[in-house]
């Protein structure tokens, strides 16, 4: 097994041709928010990834293996709820309001100019539909915003303080 303890965010500083030729590894959001995981790259190599705690892995990031080889991370398509404003009765403001209500619940959320994405959750889907949002389950890559939930370590429960633990309620 090849191990990796270094990540280059977005492949910054690497030659584009080098990154393009690198093997890839497809990871869903659950895996990409862990700092330690095993995976298999596109050439069939077993990878053991050990990144600094709290590292979020994004699509487009590049893993540097112990032997110096590179592996490009791709965000795997996964089931997500795609939320849009009702084309007939809605407005762009509805999307802003939906983002606010989701943000209050501290769920990971991907913000796009014309839609939002969250992980499947029927309670939230019902809430959004009651707000006249269109909610569809689709298979797409999920790249939520960094931010409040990123520092809470909700997937791995190793709460590490960043000196702003209790101010969340006040800075929204």
Protein backbone atom coordinates (compact mmCIF):
# COMPACT_ATOMS: atom_id res chain seq x y z
CA UNK A 1 0.00 0.00 0.00
CA UNK A 2 1.26 3.44 -0.96
CA UNK A 3 0.92 6.00 1.79
CA UNK A 4 0.32 9.72 1.50
CA UNK A 5 0.63 12.41 4.14
CA UNK A 6 0.67 15.49 1.89
CA UNK A 7 -2.05 17.25 -0.05
CA UNK A 8 -1.61 20.11 -2.52
CA UNK A 9 -4.81 22.14 -2.49
CA UNK A 10 -6.16 22.46 -6.02
CA UNK A 11 -2.81 21.20 -7.37
CA UNK A 12 -1.42 24.73 -6.95
CA UNK A 13 2.12 25.20 -8.24
CA UNK A 14 2.11 21.94 -10.20
CA UNK A 15 2.39 21.83 -13.99
CA UNK A 16 -1.09 21.34 -15.45
CA UNK A 17 0.18 18.59 -17.78
CA UNK A 18 1.59 16.71 -14.80
CA UNK A 19 -1.72 16.88 -12.92
CA UNK A 20 -3.69 15.88 -16.04
CA UNK A 21 -1.56 12.74 -16.49
CA UNK A 22 -1.76 11.72 -12.83
CA UNK A 23 -3.94 8.76 -11.84
CA UNK A 24 -7.19 9.80 -10.18
CA UNK A 25 -9.11 8.72 -7.11
CA UNK A 26 -12.86 9.29 -6.80
CA UNK A 27 -14.00 10.06 -3.28
CA UNK A 28 -17.41 11.02 -1.95
CA UNK A 29 -17.96 13.75 0.64
CA UNK A 30 -18.04 11.33 3.59
CA UNK A 31 -14.50 10.21 2.78
CA UNK A 32 -13.22 13.65 1.77
CA UNK A 33 -13.94 15.10 5.22
CA UNK A 34 -11.85 12.45 6.96
CA UNK A 35 -8.13 12.99 7.35
CA UNK A 36 -7.37 9.25 7.36
CA UNK A 37 -8.79 6.83 4.79
CA UNK A 38 -7.93 4.05 2.38
CA UNK A 39 -8.78 4.26 -1.32
CA UNK A 40 -7.91 2.72 -4.67
CA UNK A 41 -6.69 4.93 -7.51
CA UNK A 42 -7.56 4.64 -11.22
CA UNK A 43 -4.55 2.37 -11.83
CA UNK A 44 -5.70 -0.04 -9.10
CA UNK A 45 -3.10 0.96 -6.50
CA UNK A 46 -4.13 0.77 -2.85
CA UNK A 47 -3.62 4.13 -1.13
CA UNK A 48 -3.40 4.83 2.59
CA UNK A 49 -4.01 8.52 3.23
CA UNK A 50 -2.93 10.13 6.53
CA UNK A 51 -3.46 13.89 6.40
CA UNK A 52 -3.25 16.42 9.23
CA UNK A 53 -6.39 16.30 11.38
CA UNK A 54 -9.21 18.47 10.14
CA UNK A 55 -8.03 18.49 6.51
CA UNK A 56 -10.91 18.68 4.04
CA UNK A 57 -10.13 17.06 0.70
CA UNK A 58 -11.72 18.77 -2.31
CA UNK A 59 -12.17 17.72 -5.91
CA UNK A 60 -9.11 18.99 -7.81
CA UNK A 61 -6.74 18.53 -4.86
CA UNK A 62 -3.61 16.48 -5.49
CA UNK A 63 -2.31 13.81 -3.11
CA UNK A 64 1.46 13.38 -3.02
CA UNK A 65 2.40 9.74 -2.38
CA UNK A 66 5.43 8.69 -0.32
CA UNK A 67 7.22 7.76 -3.58
CA UNK A 68 6.64 11.25 -4.99
CA UNK A 69 3.89 10.18 -7.39
CA UNK A 70 0.76 12.29 -7.66
CA UNK A 71 -2.91 11.28 -7.49
CA UNK A 72 -5.62 13.74 -8.48
CA UNK A 73 -8.76 13.75 -6.32
CA UNK A 74 -12.15 13.79 -8.02
CA UNK A 75 -15.38 14.42 -6.14
CA UNK A 76 -17.49 11.31 -6.73
CA UNK A 77 -21.10 11.64 -7.78
CA UNK A 78 -23.33 10.81 -4.83
CA UNK A 79 -26.98 11.19 -3.90
CA UNK A 80 -27.68 14.84 -3.06
CA UNK A 81 -30.76 17.03 -2.90
CA UNK A 82 -30.63 19.76 -5.56
CA UNK A 83 -32.70 22.73 -4.44
CA UNK A 84 -33.95 25.39 -6.84
CA UNK A 85 -36.49 28.19 -6.67
CA UNK A 86 -39.86 27.41 -8.26
CA UNK A 87 -39.56 28.54 -11.88
CA UNK A 88 -43.17 29.72 -12.06
CA UNK A 89 -43.84 31.35 -8.70
CA UNK A 90 -40.43 31.76 -7.12
CA UNK A 91 -37.59 34.27 -7.19
CA UNK A 92 -33.86 34.20 -6.55
CA UNK A 93 -34.59 35.48 -3.03
CA UNK A 94 -36.26 32.13 -2.21
CA UNK A 95 -32.88 30.48 -2.65
CA UNK A 96 -31.30 32.96 -0.23
CA UNK A 97 -34.02 32.26 2.32
CA UNK A 98 -33.59 28.49 1.91
CA UNK A 99 -29.81 28.84 2.39
CA UNK A 100 -30.43 30.82 5.58
CA UNK A 101 -32.76 28.16 7.03
CA UNK A 102 -30.35 25.36 6.12
CA UNK A 103 -27.42 27.32 7.53
CA UNK A 104 -29.25 27.63 10.84
CA UNK A 105 -29.30 23.84 11.01
CA UNK A 106 -25.53 23.62 10.38
CA UNK A 107 -25.82 21.07 7.59
CA UNK A 108 -23.08 20.93 4.96
CA UNK A 109 -24.36 22.93 1.99
CA UNK A 110 -23.03 23.61 -1.48
CA UNK A 111 -23.93 27.11 -2.67
CA UNK A 112 -24.32 27.78 -6.39
CA UNK A 113 -25.73 30.89 -8.08
CA UNK A 114 -28.89 29.06 -9.18
CA UNK A 115 -29.18 26.13 -6.76
CA UNK A 116 -28.16 24.65 -3.42
CA UNK A 117 -27.10 21.08 -2.63
CA UNK A 118 -27.36 19.18 0.63
CA UNK A 119 -27.09 15.54 1.65
CA UNK A 120 -30.38 13.60 1.45
CA UNK A 121 -32.61 14.39 4.44
CA UNK A 122 -36.37 13.94 4.15
CA UNK A 123 -37.15 16.31 7.04
CA UNK A 124 -35.22 19.13 5.37
CA UNK A 125 -36.66 18.21 1.96
CA UNK A 126 -40.19 18.54 3.40
CA UNK A 127 -39.30 21.89 5.01
CA UNK A 128 -37.93 23.19 1.70
CA UNK A 129 -40.94 21.99 -0.27
CA UNK A 130 -43.19 23.74 2.26
CA UNK A 131 -41.23 26.91 1.37
CA UNK A 132 -42.18 26.23 -2.30
CA UNK A 133 -38.66 25.18 -3.29
CA UNK A 134 -38.14 22.50 -5.94
CA UNK A 135 -36.19 19.60 -4.37
CA UNK A 136 -34.78 16.82 -6.56
CA UNK A 137 -32.60 13.85 -5.64
CA UNK A 138 -29.71 13.68 -8.10
CA UNK A 139 -26.33 11.94 -8.41
CA UNK A 140 -23.74 14.73 -8.48
CA UNK A 141 -20.44 15.68 -6.93
CA UNK A 142 -20.89 17.42 -3.57
CA UNK A 143 -18.54 20.27 -2.61
CA UNK A 144 -20.04 22.01 0.42
CA UNK A 145 -18.83 25.39 1.64
CA UNK A 146 -16.06 25.42 4.18
CA UNK A 147 -17.11 27.23 7.31
CA UNK A 148 -18.83 26.64 10.60
CA UNK A 149 -19.36 22.90 10.36
CA UNK A 150 -15.86 22.32 8.99
CA UNK A 151 -14.33 23.07 12.38
CA UNK A 152 -16.82 21.00 14.36
CA UNK A 153 -15.44 17.69 13.09
CA UNK A 154 -18.95 16.21 13.07
CA UNK A 155 -17.82 13.14 11.17
CA UNK A 156 -14.93 12.26 13.42
CA UNK A 157 -15.73 13.80 16.79
CA UNK A 158 -12.29 15.06 17.73
CA UNK A 159 -13.45 18.57 18.54
CA UNK A 160 -10.50 20.90 18.27
CA UNK A 161 -10.95 24.49 19.35
CA UNK A 162 -10.24 27.29 16.93
CA UNK A 163 -10.96 29.97 19.51
CA UNK A 164 -14.41 30.73 18.08
CA UNK A 165 -16.43 27.87 19.46
CA UNK A 166 -19.43 29.70 20.89
CA UNK A 167 -19.75 32.76 18.69
CA UNK A 168 -21.53 31.00 15.79
CA UNK A 169 -24.99 32.12 16.87
CA UNK A 170 -23.94 35.76 16.80
CA UNK A 171 -22.03 36.07 13.56
CA UNK A 172 -24.79 35.08 11.13
